[in-house]
Amino acid sequence: AQAEKELESMGLGFEICLLDRSEAAADAF
């Protein structure tokens, strides 16, 4: 939440790719 707020104030968009510990994590990225 902090990163999103600060990066938006810098004029940057912010997206998140959350991973679990499974083999599918690399596929999500």
PDB file of all heavy atoms in Angstrom:
ATOM      1  N   ALA A   1       0.835  -1.208   0.000  1.00  0.00           N
ATOM      2  CA  ALA A   1       0.000   0.000   0.000  1.00  0.00           C
ATOM      3  C   ALA A   1       0.870   1.259   0.000  1.00  0.00           C
ATOM      4  O   ALA A   1       0.589   2.222  -0.722  1.00  0.00           O
ATOM      5  CB  ALA A   1      -0.938  -0.020   1.201  1.00  0.00           C
ATOM      6  N   GLN A   2       1.919   1.245   0.801  1.00  0.00           N
ATOM      7  CA  GLN A   2       2.840   2.377   0.859  1.00  0.00           C
ATOM      8  C   GLN A   2       3.511   2.591  -0.498  1.00  0.00           C
ATOM      9  O   GLN A   2       3.610   3.716  -0.981  1.00  0.00           O
ATOM     10  CB  GLN A   2       3.904   2.130   1.925  1.00  0.00           C
ATOM     11  CG  GLN A   2       5.037   3.138   1.924  1.00  0.00           C
ATOM     12  CD  GLN A   2       6.268   2.656   2.689  1.00  0.00           C
ATOM     13  OE1 GLN A   2       6.280   1.587   3.288  1.00  0.00           O
ATOM     14  NE2 GLN A   2       7.319   3.431   2.636  1.00  0.00           N
ATOM     15  N   ALA A   3       3.968   1.504  -1.103  1.00  0.00           N
ATOM     16  CA  ALA A   3       4.638   1.607  -2.404  1.00  0.00           C
ATOM     17  C   ALA A   3       3.699   2.176  -3.455  1.00  0.00           C
ATOM     18  O   ALA A   3       4.087   3.055  -4.229  1.00  0.00           O
ATOM     19  CB  ALA A   3       5.158   0.235  -2.836  1.00  0.00           C
ATOM     20  N   GLU A   4       2.482   1.693  -3.481  1.00  0.00           N
ATOM     21  CA  GLU A   4       1.519   2.193  -4.471  1.00  0.00           C
ATOM     22  C   GLU A   4       1.321   3.694  -4.329  1.00  0.00           C
ATOM     23  O   GLU A   4       1.380   4.443  -5.309  1.00  0.00           O
ATOM     24  CB  GLU A   4       0.182   1.470  -4.325  1.00  0.00           C
ATOM     25  CG  GLU A   4      -0.847   1.943  -5.332  1.00  0.00           C
ATOM     26  CD  GLU A   4      -2.120   1.130  -5.284  1.00  0.00           C
ATOM     27  OE1 GLU A   4      -2.480   0.612  -4.207  1.00  0.00           O
ATOM     28  OE2 GLU A   4      -2.763   1.028  -6.342  1.00  0.00           O
ATOM     29  N   LYS A   5       1.129   4.149  -3.124  1.00  0.00           N
ATOM     30  CA  LYS A   5       0.896   5.579  -2.871  1.00  0.00           C
ATOM     31  C   LYS A   5       2.113   6.414  -3.289  1.00  0.00           C
ATOM     32  O   LYS A   5       1.977   7.429  -3.983  1.00  0.00           O
ATOM     33  CB  LYS A   5       0.588   5.774  -1.387  1.00  0.00           C
ATOM     34  CG  LYS A   5       0.289   7.188  -1.014  1.00  0.00           C
ATOM     35  CD  LYS A   5      -0.045   7.271   0.476  1.00  0.00           C
ATOM     36  CE  LYS A   5      -0.269   8.714   0.895  1.00  0.00           C
ATOM     37  NZ  LYS A   5      -0.537   8.829   2.323  1.00  0.00           N
ATOM     38  N   GLU A   6       3.294   6.007  -2.871  1.00  0.00           N
ATOM     39  CA  GLU A   6       4.501   6.774  -3.180  1.00  0.00           C
ATOM     40  C   GLU A   6       4.841   6.753  -4.668  1.00  0.00           C
ATOM     41  O   GLU A   6       5.245   7.777  -5.231  1.00  0.00           O
ATOM     42  CB  GLU A   6       5.684   6.266  -2.362  1.00  0.00           C
ATOM     43  CG  GLU A   6       5.581   6.615  -0.891  1.00  0.00           C
ATOM     44  CD  GLU A   6       6.832   6.232  -0.122  1.00  0.00           C
ATOM     45  OE1 GLU A   6       7.943   6.561  -0.586  1.00  0.00           O
ATOM     46  OE2 GLU A   6       6.684   5.608   0.939  1.00  0.00           O
ATOM     47  N   LEU A   7       4.687   5.591  -5.303  1.00  0.00           N
ATOM     48  CA  LEU A   7       5.010   5.511  -6.735  1.00  0.00           C
ATOM     49  C   LEU A   7       4.025   6.320  -7.560  1.00  0.00           C
ATOM     50  O   LEU A   7       4.404   6.970  -8.538  1.00  0.00           O
ATOM     51  CB  LEU A   7       5.063   4.055  -7.185  1.00  0.00           C
ATOM     52  CG  LEU A   7       6.246   3.268  -6.604  1.00  0.00           C
ATOM     53  CD1 LEU A   7       6.103   1.787  -6.911  1.00  0.00           C
ATOM     54  CD2 LEU A   7       7.575   3.812  -7.108  1.00  0.00           C
ATOM     55  N   GLU A   8       2.756   6.305  -7.178  1.00  0.00           N
ATOM     56  CA  GLU A   8       1.781   7.132  -7.892  1.00  0.00           C
ATOM     57  C   GLU A   8       2.119   8.610  -7.747  1.00  0.00           C
ATOM     58  O   GLU A   8       1.947   9.375  -8.689  1.00  0.00           O
ATOM     59  CB  GLU A   8       0.373   6.811  -7.418  1.00  0.00           C
ATOM     60  CG  GLU A   8      -0.111   5.478  -7.968  1.00  0.00           C
ATOM     61  CD  GLU A   8      -1.520   5.097  -7.539  1.00  0.00           C
ATOM     62  OE1 GLU A   8      -2.133   5.811  -6.711  1.00  0.00           O
ATOM     63  OE2 GLU A   8      -2.001   4.062  -8.041  1.00  0.00           O
ATOM     64  N   SER A   9       2.630   9.026  -6.579  1.00  0.00           N
ATOM     65  CA  SER A   9       3.022  10.431  -6.409  1.00  0.00           C
ATOM     66  C   SER A   9       4.233  10.771  -7.278  1.00  0.00           C
ATOM     67  O   SER A   9       4.469  11.941  -7.569  1.00  0.00           O
ATOM     68  CB  SER A   9       3.312  10.741  -4.931  1.00  0.00           C
ATOM     69  OG  SER A   9       4.558  10.214  -4.539  1.00  0.00           O
ATOM     70  N   MET A  10       4.975   9.751  -7.697  1.00  0.00           N
ATOM     71  CA  MET A  10       6.110   9.944  -8.603  1.00  0.00           C
ATOM     72  C   MET A  10       5.684   9.867 -10.066  1.00  0.00           C
ATOM     73  O   MET A  10       6.512   9.942 -10.961  1.00  0.00           O
ATOM     74  CB  MET A  10       7.171   8.865  -8.333  1.00  0.00           C
ATOM     75  CG  MET A  10       7.850   8.977  -6.989  1.00  0.00           C
ATOM     76  SD  MET A  10       8.849   7.504  -6.561  1.00  0.00           S
ATOM     77  CE  MET A  10      10.027   7.409  -7.914  1.00  0.00           C
ATOM     78  N   GLY A  11       4.386   9.663 -10.307  1.00  0.00           N
ATOM     79  CA  GLY A  11       3.882   9.577 -11.676  1.00  0.00           C
ATOM     80  C   GLY A  11       3.993   8.196 -12.285  1.00  0.00           C
ATOM     81  O   GLY A  11       3.908   8.043 -13.502  1.00  0.00           O
ATOM     82  N   LEU A  12       4.163   7.179 -11.455  1.00  0.00           N
ATOM     83  CA  LEU A  12       4.297   5.809 -11.935  1.00  0.00           C
ATOM     84  C   LEU A  12       3.069   4.991 -11.550  1.00  0.00           C
ATOM     85  O   LEU A  12       2.548   5.127 -10.441  1.00  0.00           O
ATOM     86  CB  LEU A  12       5.536   5.149 -11.325  1.00  0.00           C
ATOM     87  CG  LEU A  12       6.874   5.733 -11.748  1.00  0.00           C
ATOM     88  CD1 LEU A  12       7.987   5.244 -10.835  1.00  0.00           C
ATOM     89  CD2 LEU A  12       7.173   5.375 -13.196  1.00  0.00           C
ATOM     90  N   GLY A  13       2.641   4.135 -12.462  1.00  0.00           N
ATOM     91  CA  GLY A  13       1.609   3.169 -12.132  1.00  0.00           C
ATOM     92  C   GLY A  13       2.225   2.050 -11.310  1.00  0.00           C
ATOM     93  O   GLY A  13       3.452   1.877 -11.289  1.00  0.00           O
ATOM     94  N   PHE A  14       1.374   1.285 -10.643  1.00  0.00           N
ATOM     95  CA  PHE A  14       1.873   0.222  -9.772  1.00  0.00           C
ATOM     96  C   PHE A  14       0.965  -0.989  -9.904  1.00  0.00           C
ATOM     97  O   PHE A  14      -0.250  -0.887  -9.753  1.00  0.00           O
ATOM     98  CB  PHE A  14       1.885   0.704  -8.313  1.00  0.00           C
ATOM     99  CG  PHE A  14       2.446  -0.283  -7.338  1.00  0.00           C
ATOM    100  CD1 PHE A  14       3.778  -0.641  -7.370  1.00  0.00           C
ATOM    101  CD2 PHE A  14       1.640  -0.841  -6.362  1.00  0.00           C
ATOM    102  CE1 PHE A  14       4.307  -1.544  -6.454  1.00  0.00           C
ATOM    103  CE2 PHE A  14       2.148  -1.736  -5.429  1.00  0.00           C
ATOM    104  CZ  PHE A  14       3.488  -2.089  -5.480  1.00  0.00           C
ATOM    105  N   GLU A  15       1.569  -2.118 -10.217  1.00  0.00           N
ATOM    106  CA  GLU A  15       0.838  -3.379 -10.285  1.00  0.00           C
ATOM    107  C   GLU A  15       1.581  -4.414  -9.457  1.00  0.00           C
ATOM    108  O   GLU A  15       2.788  -4.286  -9.225  1.00  0.00           O
ATOM    109  CB  GLU A  15       0.674  -3.851 -11.733  1.00  0.00           C
ATOM    110  CG  GLU A  15      -0.215  -2.918 -12.530  1.00  0.00           C
ATOM    111  CD  GLU A  15      -0.460  -3.382 -13.949  1.00  0.00           C
ATOM    112  OE1 GLU A  15      -0.257  -4.581 -14.253  1.00  0.00           O
ATOM    113  OE2 GLU A  15      -0.832  -2.534 -14.769  1.00  0.00           O
ATOM    114  N   ILE A  16       0.845  -5.416  -9.036  1.00  0.00           N
ATOM    115  CA  ILE A  16       1.392  -6.422  -8.138  1.00  0.00           C
ATOM    116  C   ILE A  16       1.183  -7.803  -8.744  1.00  0.00           C
ATOM    117  O   ILE A  16       0.095  -8.111  -9.240  1.00  0.00           O
ATOM    118  CB  ILE A  16       0.694  -6.354  -6.771  1.00  0.00           C
ATOM    119  CG1 ILE A  16       0.845  -4.961  -6.158  1.00  0.00           C
ATOM    120  CG2 ILE A  16       1.228  -7.419  -5.833  1.00  0.00           C
ATOM    121  CD1 ILE A  16      -0.087  -4.701  -5.003  1.00  0.00           C
ATOM    122  N   CYS A  17       2.208  -8.621  -8.675  1.00  0.00           N
ATOM    123  CA  CYS A  17       2.130 -10.025  -9.071  1.00  0.00           C
ATOM    124  C   CYS A  17       2.465 -10.846  -7.831  1.00  0.00           C
ATOM    125  O   CYS A  17       3.624 -10.949  -7.436  1.00  0.00           O
ATOM    126  CB  CYS A  17       3.121 -10.311 -10.203  1.00  0.00           C
ATOM    127  SG  CYS A  17       3.132 -12.025 -10.767  1.00  0.00           S
ATOM    128  N   LEU A  18       1.425 -11.380  -7.204  1.00  0.00           N
ATOM    129  CA  LEU A  18       1.607 -12.149  -5.979  1.00  0.00           C
ATOM    130  C   LEU A  18       1.799 -13.616  -6.312  1.00  0.00           C
ATOM    131  O   LEU A  18       1.047 -14.188  -7.103  1.00  0.00           O
ATOM    132  CB  LEU A  18       0.399 -11.965  -5.053  1.00  0.00           C
ATOM    133  CG  LEU A  18       0.180 -10.536  -4.566  1.00  0.00           C
ATOM    134  CD1 LEU A  18      -1.088 -10.452  -3.739  1.00  0.00           C
ATOM    135  CD2 LEU A  18       1.388 -10.035  -3.781  1.00  0.00           C
ATOM    136  N   LEU A  19       2.798 -14.205  -5.685  1.00  0.00           N
ATOM    137  CA  LEU A  19       3.159 -15.587  -5.968  1.00  0.00           C
ATOM    138  C   LEU A  19       2.977 -16.452  -4.730  1.00  0.00           C
ATOM    139  O   LEU A  19       3.177 -16.000  -3.608  1.00  0.00           O
ATOM    140  CB  LEU A  19       4.623 -15.658  -6.401  1.00  0.00           C
ATOM    141  CG  LEU A  19       5.039 -14.751  -7.563  1.00  0.00           C
ATOM    142  CD1 LEU A  19       6.540 -14.865  -7.794  1.00  0.00           C
ATOM    143  CD2 LEU A  19       4.266 -15.074  -8.817  1.00  0.00           C
ATOM    144  N   ASP A  20       2.644 -17.706  -4.979  1.00  0.00           N
ATOM    145  CA  ASP A  20       2.659 -18.673  -3.882  1.00  0.00           C
ATOM    146  C   ASP A  20       3.947 -19.476  -4.014  1.00  0.00           C
ATOM    147  O   ASP A  20       4.838 -19.100  -4.759  1.00  0.00           O
ATOM    148  CB  ASP A  20       1.404 -19.552  -3.894  1.00  0.00           C
ATOM    149  CG  ASP A  20       1.241 -20.342  -5.194  1.00  0.00           C
ATOM    150  OD1 ASP A  20       2.226 -20.520  -5.947  1.00  0.00           O
ATOM    151  OD2 ASP A  20       0.118 -20.799  -5.458  1.00  0.00           O
ATOM    152  N   ARG A  21       4.043 -20.552  -3.311  1.00  0.00           N
ATOM    153  CA  ARG A  21       5.268 -21.354  -3.348  1.00  0.00           C
ATOM    154  C   ARG A  21       5.157 -22.556  -4.282  1.00  0.00           C
ATOM    155  O   ARG A  21       5.995 -23.448  -4.251  1.00  0.00           O
ATOM    156  CB  ARG A  21       5.609 -21.828  -1.931  1.00  0.00           C
ATOM    157  CG  ARG A  21       5.921 -20.698  -0.980  1.00  0.00           C
ATOM    158  CD  ARG A  21       6.043 -21.210   0.451  1.00  0.00           C
ATOM    159  NE  ARG A  21       6.255 -20.139   1.385  1.00  0.00           N
ATOM    160  CZ  ARG A  21       7.441 -19.682   1.777  1.00  0.00           C
ATOM    161  NH1 ARG A  21       8.539 -20.233   1.327  1.00  0.00           N
ATOM    162  NH2 ARG A  21       7.537 -18.687   2.637  1.00  0.00           N
ATOM    163  N   SER A  22       4.162 -22.561  -5.135  1.00  0.00           N
ATOM    164  CA  SER A  22       3.929 -23.716  -6.011  1.00  0.00           C
ATOM    165  C   SER A  22       4.729 -23.606  -7.306  1.00  0.00           C
ATOM    166  O   SER A  22       5.327 -22.571  -7.614  1.00  0.00           O
ATOM    167  CB  SER A  22       2.439 -23.821  -6.350  1.00  0.00           C
ATOM    168  OG  SER A  22       2.085 -22.842  -7.313  1.00  0.00           O
ATOM    169  N   GLU A  23       4.689 -24.668  -8.072  1.00  0.00           N
ATOM    170  CA  GLU A  23       5.343 -24.682  -9.386  1.00  0.00           C
ATOM    171  C   GLU A  23       4.693 -23.681 -10.339  1.00  0.00           C
ATOM    172  O   GLU A  23       5.318 -23.235 -11.293  1.00  0.00           O
ATOM    173  CB  GLU A  23       5.279 -26.089  -9.988  1.00  0.00           C
ATOM    174  CG  GLU A  23       6.151 -27.098  -9.267  1.00  0.00           C
ATOM    175  CD  GLU A  23       7.635 -26.792  -9.405  1.00  0.00           C
ATOM    176  OE1 GLU A  23       8.083 -26.410 -10.497  1.00  0.00           O
ATOM    177  OE2 GLU A  23       8.344 -26.927  -8.389  1.00  0.00           O
ATOM    178  N   ALA A  24       3.436 -23.310 -10.081  1.00  0.00           N
ATOM    179  CA  ALA A  24       2.712 -22.381 -10.951  1.00  0.00           C
ATOM    180  C   ALA A  24       3.144 -20.930 -10.758  1.00  0.00           C
ATOM    181  O   ALA A  24       2.755 -20.064 -11.541  1.00  0.00           O
ATOM    182  CB  ALA A  24       1.212 -22.514 -10.715  1.00  0.00           C
ATOM    183  N   ALA A  25       3.956 -20.642  -9.756  1.00  0.00           N
ATOM    184  CA  ALA A  25       4.356 -19.264  -9.480  1.00  0.00           C
ATOM    185  C   ALA A  25       5.076 -18.631 -10.666  1.00  0.00           C
ATOM    186  O   ALA A  25       4.789 -17.489 -11.037  1.00  0.00           O
ATOM    187  CB  ALA A  25       5.227 -19.216  -8.226  1.00  0.00           C
ATOM    188  N   ALA A  26       5.982 -19.339 -11.269  1.00  0.00           N
ATOM    189  CA  ALA A  26       6.710 -18.791 -12.420  1.00  0.00           C
ATOM    190  C   ALA A  26       5.765 -18.525 -13.584  1.00  0.00           C
ATOM    191  O   ALA A  26       5.924 -17.533 -14.299  1.00  0.00           O
ATOM    192  CB  ALA A  26       7.828 -19.743 -12.838  1.00  0.00           C
ATOM    193  N   ASP A  27       4.769 -19.377 -13.758  1.00  0.00           N
ATOM    194  CA  ASP A  27       3.793 -19.167 -14.832  1.00  0.00           C
ATOM    195  C   ASP A  27       2.976 -17.900 -14.604  1.00  0.00           C
ATOM    196  O   ASP A  27       2.644 -17.184 -15.548  1.00  0.00           O
ATOM    197  CB  ASP A  27       2.865 -20.372 -14.961  1.00  0.00           C
ATOM    198  CG  ASP A  27       3.606 -21.614 -15.436  1.00  0.00           C
ATOM    199  OD1 ASP A  27       4.624 -21.485 -16.147  1.00  0.00           O
ATOM    200  OD2 ASP A  27       3.156 -22.721 -15.084  1.00  0.00           O
ATOM    201  N   ALA A  28       2.643 -17.604 -13.346  1.00  0.00           N
ATOM    202  CA  ALA A  28       1.897 -16.388 -13.033  1.00  0.00           C
ATOM    203  C   ALA A  28       2.724 -15.154 -13.401  1.00  0.00           C
ATOM    204  O   ALA A  28       2.208 -14.187 -13.965  1.00  0.00           O
ATOM    205  CB  ALA A  28       1.523 -16.361 -11.553  1.00  0.00           C
ATOM    206  N   PHE A  29       4.001 -15.194 -13.109  1.00  0.00           N
ATOM    207  CA  PHE A  29       4.884 -14.082 -13.463  1.00  0.00           C
ATOM    208  C   PHE A  29       5.016 -13.961 -14.976  1.00  0.00           C
ATOM    209  O   PHE A  29       4.945 -12.866 -15.538  1.00  0.00           O
ATOM    210  CB  PHE A  29       6.257 -14.264 -12.816  1.00  0.00           C
ATOM    211  CG  PHE A  29       7.238 -13.195 -13.197  1.00  0.00           C
ATOM    212  CD1 PHE A  29       7.056 -11.884 -12.795  1.00  0.00           C
ATOM    213  CD2 PHE A  29       8.358 -13.502 -13.954  1.00  0.00           C
ATOM    214  CE1 PHE A  29       7.965 -10.887 -13.140  1.00  0.00           C
ATOM    215  CE2 PHE A  29       9.268 -12.526 -14.308  1.00  0.00           C
ATOM    216  CZ  PHE A  29       9.075 -11.216 -13.896  1.00  0.00           C
TER     217      PHE A  29
END
